């Protein structure tokens, strides 16, 4: 009898340890935390576009996952490809100002800063966009840059999760960053500036998994058009 009791207790301990060893991320359809001020939203952002067919493919992936995002476009690219800028807007996404041709804003005079911001802003608004936010190239900013952004009536929008997709680190590396995102995170990606096939593939893999956790994807509050 003692041996039987020992076997039962040992079996229970083993079974219990198996349940405890299941990783938390294995749970599907987990609802966002009740105290989440972001209501489960992750904010996807894309720089340097429009980027030709890569922008099209990203728009398709976002639509398939009921996701909205913010596209920080360069004026020179939008001027060459206005149809894709309009396609981003037509799909319900937001446009952000990313300067005219991607300089390090901290190296410019104030007049040059105003020209970079203003020329891109005028073009994007000509598409019917309500552009409320600005992302400085490379994230480079200082007091003068910040003042130029404010004087243009825009809000600076940086990021806190960087996929480094511009470096083409591999699909798995981009997926890992995406799957590590939690509500309130602003995720940096690119639809322009080069080959973005890894970005497209990583989104196809990661977005359904994030949605299965109960997360949604929206436009950053700083960039959202006024209600």
C-alpha atoms as a PDB file:
ATOM      1  CA  UNK A   1       0.000   0.000   0.000  1.00  0.00           C
ATOM      2  CA  UNK A   2       2.844   2.365   0.850  1.00  0.00           C
ATOM      3  CA  UNK A   3       4.410   1.684  -2.515  1.00  0.00           C
ATOM      4  CA  UNK A   4       1.118   2.381  -4.282  1.00  0.00           C
ATOM      5  CA  UNK A   5       0.686   5.661  -2.388  1.00  0.00           C
ATOM      6  CA  UNK A   6       4.232   6.688  -3.367  1.00  0.00           C
ATOM      7  CA  UNK A   7       3.505   5.971  -7.048  1.00  0.00           C
ATOM      8  CA  UNK A   8       0.298   8.048  -6.992  1.00  0.00           C
ATOM      9  CA  UNK A   9       2.001  11.021  -5.328  1.00  0.00           C
ATOM     10  CA  UNK A  10       4.953  10.869  -7.720  1.00  0.00           C
ATOM     11  CA  UNK A  11       2.666  10.701 -10.737  1.00  0.00           C
ATOM     12  CA  UNK A  12       0.710  13.727  -9.520  1.00  0.00           C
ATOM     13  CA  UNK A  13       3.933  15.679  -9.064  1.00  0.00           C
ATOM     14  CA  UNK A  14       5.111  14.852 -12.579  1.00  0.00           C
ATOM     15  CA  UNK A  15       1.778  15.825 -14.132  1.00  0.00           C
ATOM     16  CA  UNK A  16       1.767  19.078 -12.168  1.00  0.00           C
ATOM     17  CA  UNK A  17       5.266  19.936 -13.301  1.00  0.00           C
ATOM     18  CA  UNK A  18       4.259  19.401 -16.921  1.00  0.00           C
ATOM     19  CA  UNK A  19       1.471  21.952 -16.619  1.00  0.00           C
ATOM     20  CA  UNK A  20       3.782  24.419 -14.929  1.00  0.00           C
ATOM     21  CA  UNK A  21       6.349  24.048 -17.696  1.00  0.00           C
ATOM     22  CA  UNK A  22       3.954  25.170 -20.446  1.00  0.00           C
ATOM     23  CA  UNK A  23       5.137  28.658 -21.520  1.00  0.00           C
ATOM     24  CA  UNK A  24       2.735  31.529 -21.013  1.00  0.00           C
ATOM     25  CA  UNK A  25       2.800  32.449 -24.710  1.00  0.00           C
ATOM     26  CA  UNK A  26       1.336  29.054 -25.594  1.00  0.00           C
ATOM     27  CA  UNK A  27      -2.078  30.183 -24.390  1.00  0.00           C
ATOM     28  CA  UNK A  28      -4.206  31.299 -27.322  1.00  0.00           C
ATOM     29  CA  UNK A  29      -6.828  34.043 -27.467  1.00  0.00           C
ATOM     30  CA  UNK A  30      -5.668  35.551 -24.177  1.00  0.00           C
ATOM     31  CA  UNK A  31      -7.548  38.788 -23.531  1.00  0.00           C
ATOM     32  CA  UNK A  32      -5.587  42.014 -22.887  1.00  0.00           C
ATOM     33  CA  UNK A  33      -5.088  42.859 -19.223  1.00  0.00           C
ATOM     34  CA  UNK A  34      -7.999  44.646 -17.598  1.00  0.00           C
ATOM     35  CA  UNK A  35      -5.733  47.532 -16.574  1.00  0.00           C
ATOM     36  CA  UNK A  36      -4.249  47.972 -20.086  1.00  0.00           C
ATOM     37  CA  UNK A  37      -4.633  51.684 -20.996  1.00  0.00           C
ATOM     38  CA  UNK A  38      -3.998  50.840 -24.662  1.00  0.00           C
ATOM     39  CA  UNK A  39      -6.925  48.428 -24.918  1.00  0.00           C
ATOM     40  CA  UNK A  40      -4.716  45.765 -26.471  1.00  0.00           C
ATOM     41  CA  UNK A  41      -3.397  47.959 -29.288  1.00  0.00           C
ATOM     42  CA  UNK A  42       0.080  47.696 -30.810  1.00  0.00           C
ATOM     43  CA  UNK A  43       1.125  50.523 -33.126  1.00  0.00           C
ATOM     44  CA  UNK A  44       2.799  49.414 -36.362  1.00  0.00           C
ATOM     45  CA  UNK A  45       4.707  52.081 -38.278  1.00  0.00           C
ATOM     46  CA  UNK A  46       6.444  52.008 -41.662  1.00  0.00           C
ATOM     47  CA  UNK A  47       9.120  54.458 -42.844  1.00  0.00           C
ATOM     48  CA  UNK A  48      10.649  55.647 -46.122  1.00  0.00           C
ATOM     49  CA  UNK A  49       7.812  54.818 -48.492  1.00  0.00           C
ATOM     50  CA  UNK A  50       5.999  54.612 -50.688  1.00  0.00           C
ATOM     51  CA  UNK A  51       8.092  51.606 -51.610  1.00  0.00           C
ATOM     52  CA  UNK A  52       6.511  50.270 -54.772  1.00  0.00           C
ATOM     53  CA  UNK A  53       5.193  46.717 -54.676  1.00  0.00           C
ATOM     54  CA  UNK A  54       6.400  46.256 -51.084  1.00  0.00           C
ATOM     55  CA  UNK A  55       3.921  48.897 -49.974  1.00  0.00           C
ATOM     56  CA  UNK A  56       1.194  47.013 -51.863  1.00  0.00           C
ATOM     57  CA  UNK A  57       2.133  43.719 -50.192  1.00  0.00           C
ATOM     58  CA  UNK A  58       2.229  45.268 -46.731  1.00  0.00           C
ATOM     59  CA  UNK A  59      -1.187  46.827 -47.311  1.00  0.00           C
ATOM     60  CA  UNK A  60      -2.504  43.384 -48.265  1.00  0.00           C
ATOM     61  CA  UNK A  61      -1.104  41.771 -45.098  1.00  0.00           C
ATOM     62  CA  UNK A  62      -2.513  44.532 -42.918  1.00  0.00           C
ATOM     63  CA  UNK A  63      -5.943  44.171 -44.539  1.00  0.00           C
ATOM     64  CA  UNK A  64      -5.889  40.403 -44.034  1.00  0.00           C
ATOM     65  CA  UNK A  65      -5.275  40.933 -40.321  1.00  0.00           C
ATOM     66  CA  UNK A  66      -7.696  43.835 -39.806  1.00  0.00           C
ATOM     67  CA  UNK A  67      -4.704  46.023 -38.911  1.00  0.00           C
ATOM     68  CA  UNK A  68      -4.243  49.772 -39.212  1.00  0.00           C
ATOM     69  CA  UNK A  69      -0.826  51.436 -39.255  1.00  0.00           C
ATOM     70  CA  UNK A  70       1.019  54.718 -39.730  1.00  0.00           C
ATOM     71  CA  UNK A  71       3.165  55.251 -42.833  1.00  0.00           C
ATOM     72  CA  UNK A  72       5.898  57.883 -42.464  1.00  0.00           C
ATOM     73  CA  UNK A  73       6.493  58.881 -46.056  1.00  0.00           C
ATOM     74  CA  UNK A  74       9.277  60.799 -47.752  1.00  0.00           C
ATOM     75  CA  UNK A  75       8.102  63.671 -49.896  1.00  0.00           C
ATOM     76  CA  UNK A  76      10.334  62.713 -52.819  1.00  0.00           C
ATOM     77  CA  UNK A  77       8.958  59.157 -52.867  1.00  0.00           C
ATOM     78  CA  UNK A  78       5.359  60.292 -52.525  1.00  0.00           C
ATOM     79  CA  UNK A  79       5.888  62.751 -55.362  1.00  0.00           C
ATOM     80  CA  UNK A  80       7.119  59.923 -57.621  1.00  0.00           C
ATOM     81  CA  UNK A  81       4.324  57.561 -56.577  1.00  0.00           C
ATOM     82  CA  UNK A  82       1.250  59.524 -55.475  1.00  0.00           C
ATOM     83  CA  UNK A  83      -1.085  56.635 -56.300  1.00  0.00           C
ATOM     84  CA  UNK A  84       0.403  54.518 -53.516  1.00  0.00           C
ATOM     85  CA  UNK A  85       0.207  57.355 -51.011  1.00  0.00           C
ATOM     86  CA  UNK A  86      -3.469  57.620 -51.845  1.00  0.00           C
ATOM     87  CA  UNK A  87      -3.841  53.834 -51.575  1.00  0.00           C
ATOM     88  CA  UNK A  88      -2.487  53.965 -48.012  1.00  0.00           C
ATOM     89  CA  UNK A  89      -5.091  56.583 -47.140  1.00  0.00           C
ATOM     90  CA  UNK A  90      -7.896  54.735 -48.931  1.00  0.00           C
ATOM     91  CA  UNK A  91      -7.151  51.657 -46.820  1.00  0.00           C
ATOM     92  CA  UNK A  92      -7.750  53.649 -43.639  1.00  0.00           C
ATOM     93  CA  UNK A  93      -4.146  54.124 -42.549  1.00  0.00           C
ATOM     94  CA  UNK A  94      -2.489  57.384 -41.497  1.00  0.00           C
ATOM     95  CA  UNK A  95       0.312  59.263 -43.200  1.00  0.00           C
ATOM     96  CA  UNK A  96       3.144  60.794 -41.201  1.00  0.00           C
ATOM     97  CA  UNK A  97       5.749  63.326 -42.318  1.00  0.00           C
ATOM     98  CA  UNK A  98       9.277  61.870 -42.664  1.00  0.00           C
ATOM     99  CA  UNK A  99      10.921  64.899 -44.392  1.00  0.00           C
ATOM    100  CA  UNK A 100      11.432  65.393 -48.098  1.00  0.00           C
ATOM    101  CA  UNK A 101      14.588  63.343 -48.682  1.00  0.00           C
ATOM    102  CA  UNK A 102      15.714  61.803 -45.376  1.00  0.00           C
ATOM    103  CA  UNK A 103      18.477  64.066 -44.037  1.00  0.00           C
ATOM    104  CA  UNK A 104      19.821  63.990 -40.496  1.00  0.00           C
ATOM    105  CA  UNK A 105      17.804  66.940 -39.241  1.00  0.00           C
ATOM    106  CA  UNK A 106      20.375  67.809 -36.568  1.00  0.00           C
ATOM    107  CA  UNK A 107      22.874  68.749 -39.311  1.00  0.00           C
ATOM    108  CA  UNK A 108      20.569  71.316 -40.944  1.00  0.00           C
ATOM    109  CA  UNK A 109      19.985  75.012 -40.404  1.00  0.00           C
ATOM    110  CA  UNK A 110      16.592  75.972 -39.068  1.00  0.00           C
ATOM    111  CA  UNK A 111      15.580  77.230 -42.523  1.00  0.00           C
ATOM    112  CA  UNK A 112      16.537  73.878 -44.039  1.00  0.00           C
ATOM    113  CA  UNK A 113      14.559  72.043 -41.355  1.00  0.00           C
ATOM    114  CA  UNK A 114      11.488  74.119 -42.154  1.00  0.00           C
ATOM    115  CA  UNK A 115      11.908  73.383 -45.858  1.00  0.00           C
ATOM    116  CA  UNK A 116      12.225  69.618 -45.284  1.00  0.00           C
ATOM    117  CA  UNK A 117       9.141  69.499 -43.079  1.00  0.00           C
ATOM    118  CA  UNK A 118       7.046  72.007 -45.001  1.00  0.00           C
ATOM    119  CA  UNK A 119       7.584  70.641 -48.509  1.00  0.00           C
ATOM    120  CA  UNK A 120       6.685  67.104 -47.442  1.00  0.00           C
ATOM    121  CA  UNK A 121       3.719  68.336 -45.424  1.00  0.00           C
ATOM    122  CA  UNK A 122       2.274  70.314 -48.325  1.00  0.00           C
ATOM    123  CA  UNK A 123       2.534  67.347 -50.676  1.00  0.00           C
ATOM    124  CA  UNK A 124       0.996  64.819 -48.281  1.00  0.00           C
ATOM    125  CA  UNK A 125      -1.853  67.173 -47.458  1.00  0.00           C
ATOM    126  CA  UNK A 126      -2.500  67.624 -51.182  1.00  0.00           C
ATOM    127  CA  UNK A 127      -3.539  63.955 -51.223  1.00  0.00           C
ATOM    128  CA  UNK A 128      -6.248  64.737 -48.686  1.00  0.00           C
ATOM    129  CA  UNK A 129      -4.267  63.439 -45.720  1.00  0.00           C
ATOM    130  CA  UNK A 130      -4.565  64.890 -42.253  1.00  0.00           C
ATOM    131  CA  UNK A 131      -0.923  64.689 -41.223  1.00  0.00           C
ATOM    132  CA  UNK A 132      -0.435  65.274 -37.514  1.00  0.00           C
ATOM    133  CA  UNK A 133       2.916  63.695 -36.728  1.00  0.00           C
ATOM    134  CA  UNK A 134       6.554  63.801 -37.788  1.00  0.00           C
ATOM    135  CA  UNK A 135       9.295  61.225 -37.492  1.00  0.00           C
ATOM    136  CA  UNK A 136      12.839  62.563 -37.829  1.00  0.00           C
ATOM    137  CA  UNK A 137      15.063  60.338 -39.975  1.00  0.00           C
ATOM    138  CA  UNK A 138      17.289  58.074 -37.866  1.00  0.00           C
ATOM    139  CA  UNK A 139      15.335  59.334 -34.846  1.00  0.00           C
ATOM    140  CA  UNK A 140      17.857  62.217 -34.737  1.00  0.00           C
ATOM    141  CA  UNK A 141      16.557  65.288 -32.949  1.00  0.00           C
ATOM    142  CA  UNK A 142      17.662  68.138 -30.717  1.00  0.00           C
ATOM    143  CA  UNK A 143      16.091  71.255 -29.266  1.00  0.00           C
ATOM    144  CA  UNK A 144      16.052  73.088 -32.601  1.00  0.00           C
ATOM    145  CA  UNK A 145      14.575  70.116 -34.463  1.00  0.00           C
ATOM    146  CA  UNK A 146      11.923  69.686 -31.803  1.00  0.00           C
ATOM    147  CA  UNK A 147      11.000  73.359 -32.051  1.00  0.00           C
ATOM    148  CA  UNK A 148      10.740  73.141 -35.838  1.00  0.00           C
ATOM    149  CA  UNK A 149       8.391  70.163 -35.478  1.00  0.00           C
ATOM    150  CA  UNK A 150       6.230  72.009 -32.958  1.00  0.00           C
ATOM    151  CA  UNK A 151       6.152  75.200 -35.040  1.00  0.00           C
ATOM    152  CA  UNK A 152       4.901  73.135 -37.997  1.00  0.00           C
ATOM    153  CA  UNK A 153       1.933  72.062 -35.865  1.00  0.00           C
ATOM    154  CA  UNK A 154       3.144  68.459 -35.666  1.00  0.00           C
ATOM    155  CA  UNK A 155       3.964  66.012 -32.899  1.00  0.00           C
ATOM    156  CA  UNK A 156       7.211  64.050 -32.850  1.00  0.00           C
ATOM    157  CA  UNK A 157       6.616  60.303 -33.049  1.00  0.00           C
ATOM    158  CA  UNK A 158       9.556  57.995 -32.369  1.00  0.00           C
ATOM    159  CA  UNK A 159       9.408  54.265 -31.518  1.00  0.00           C
ATOM    160  CA  UNK A 160      10.316  51.881 -28.726  1.00  0.00           C
ATOM    161  CA  UNK A 161      10.555  48.595 -30.662  1.00  0.00           C
ATOM    162  CA  UNK A 162      12.957  48.470 -33.617  1.00  0.00           C
ATOM    163  CA  UNK A 163      12.791  45.460 -35.941  1.00  0.00           C
ATOM    164  CA  UNK A 164      15.935  46.667 -37.752  1.00  0.00           C
ATOM    165  CA  UNK A 165      14.331  45.382 -40.922  1.00  0.00           C
ATOM    166  CA  UNK A 166      16.278  47.971 -42.909  1.00  0.00           C
ATOM    167  CA  UNK A 167      19.384  45.806 -42.267  1.00  0.00           C
ATOM    168  CA  UNK A 168      17.619  42.649 -43.536  1.00  0.00           C
ATOM    169  CA  UNK A 169      18.490  40.618 -40.428  1.00  0.00           C
ATOM    170  CA  UNK A 170      16.378  37.652 -41.536  1.00  0.00           C
ATOM    171  CA  UNK A 171      12.672  36.934 -41.256  1.00  0.00           C
ATOM    172  CA  UNK A 172      13.029  35.157 -37.901  1.00  0.00           C
ATOM    173  CA  UNK A 173      14.774  38.141 -36.320  1.00  0.00           C
ATOM    174  CA  UNK A 174      12.018  40.502 -37.424  1.00  0.00           C
ATOM    175  CA  UNK A 175       9.338  38.075 -36.245  1.00  0.00           C
ATOM    176  CA  UNK A 176      10.991  37.845 -32.814  1.00  0.00           C
ATOM    177  CA  UNK A 177      10.764  41.612 -32.334  1.00  0.00           C
ATOM    178  CA  UNK A 178       7.159  41.690 -33.499  1.00  0.00           C
ATOM    179  CA  UNK A 179       6.124  38.845 -31.203  1.00  0.00           C
ATOM    180  CA  UNK A 180       7.799  40.611 -28.297  1.00  0.00           C
ATOM    181  CA  UNK A 181       5.588  43.670 -28.747  1.00  0.00           C
ATOM    182  CA  UNK A 182       2.929  44.415 -26.152  1.00  0.00           C
ATOM    183  CA  UNK A 183       0.076  46.958 -26.042  1.00  0.00           C
ATOM    184  CA  UNK A 184       1.293  50.536 -26.293  1.00  0.00           C
ATOM    185  CA  UNK A 185       4.469  49.645 -28.181  1.00  0.00           C
ATOM    186  CA  UNK A 186       5.334  51.628 -31.311  1.00  0.00           C
ATOM    187  CA  UNK A 187       7.085  49.256 -33.729  1.00  0.00           C
ATOM    188  CA  UNK A 188       9.483  50.561 -36.370  1.00  0.00           C
ATOM    189  CA  UNK A 189       9.495  48.924 -39.809  1.00  0.00           C
ATOM    190  CA  UNK A 190      10.016  50.070 -43.399  1.00  0.00           C
ATOM    191  CA  UNK A 191       8.048  49.755 -46.616  1.00  0.00           C
ATOM    192  CA  UNK A 192      10.569  51.787 -48.640  1.00  0.00           C
ATOM    193  CA  UNK A 193      14.295  52.199 -48.997  1.00  0.00           C
ATOM    194  CA  UNK A 194      15.163  48.805 -50.469  1.00  0.00           C
ATOM    195  CA  UNK A 195      14.167  45.158 -50.528  1.00  0.00           C
ATOM    196  CA  UNK A 196      11.425  44.728 -47.914  1.00  0.00           C
ATOM    197  CA  UNK A 197      10.472  41.135 -48.697  1.00  0.00           C
ATOM    198  CA  UNK A 198      11.647  40.030 -45.223  1.00  0.00           C
ATOM    199  CA  UNK A 199       9.365  42.628 -43.643  1.00  0.00           C
ATOM    200  CA  UNK A 200       6.388  41.363 -45.628  1.00  0.00           C
ATOM    201  CA  UNK A 201       7.045  37.727 -44.728  1.00  0.00           C
ATOM    202  CA  UNK A 202       7.604  38.533 -41.057  1.00  0.00           C
ATOM    203  CA  UNK A 203       4.288  40.384 -40.886  1.00  0.00           C
ATOM    204  CA  UNK A 204       2.497  37.425 -42.483  1.00  0.00           C
ATOM    205  CA  UNK A 205       3.870  35.188 -39.723  1.00  0.00           C
ATOM    206  CA  UNK A 206       3.637  37.470 -36.689  1.00  0.00           C
ATOM    207  CA  UNK A 207       0.367  39.361 -37.050  1.00  0.00           C
ATOM    208  CA  UNK A 208      -1.919  36.313 -36.780  1.00  0.00           C
ATOM    209  CA  UNK A 209      -0.006  35.149 -33.691  1.00  0.00           C
ATOM    210  CA  UNK A 210      -0.318  38.556 -32.044  1.00  0.00           C
ATOM    211  CA  UNK A 211      -4.018  38.667 -32.912  1.00  0.00           C
ATOM    212  CA  UNK A 212      -4.403  35.231 -31.291  1.00  0.00           C
ATOM    213  CA  UNK A 213      -3.168  36.800 -28.046  1.00  0.00           C
ATOM    214  CA  UNK A 214      -6.035  39.272 -28.248  1.00  0.00           C
ATOM    215  CA  UNK A 215      -3.966  42.195 -29.547  1.00  0.00           C
ATOM    216  CA  UNK A 216      -5.125  44.660 -32.205  1.00  0.00           C
ATOM    217  CA  UNK A 217      -3.231  47.090 -34.421  1.00  0.00           C
ATOM    218  CA  UNK A 218      -4.003  50.788 -34.647  1.00  0.00           C
ATOM    219  CA  UNK A 219      -2.752  54.228 -35.642  1.00  0.00           C
ATOM    220  CA  UNK A 220      -0.618  55.894 -32.993  1.00  0.00           C
ATOM    221  CA  UNK A 221      -2.585  58.465 -30.967  1.00  0.00           C
ATOM    222  CA  UNK A 222      -0.199  61.253 -32.029  1.00  0.00           C
ATOM    223  CA  UNK A 223      -0.837  60.488 -35.685  1.00  0.00           C
ATOM    224  CA  UNK A 224      -4.560  59.745 -35.610  1.00  0.00           C
ATOM    225  CA  UNK A 225      -6.766  62.070 -37.634  1.00  0.00           C
ATOM    226  CA  UNK A 226      -9.062  64.193 -35.515  1.00  0.00           C
ATOM    227  CA  UNK A 227     -12.403  62.568 -34.791  1.00  0.00           C
END
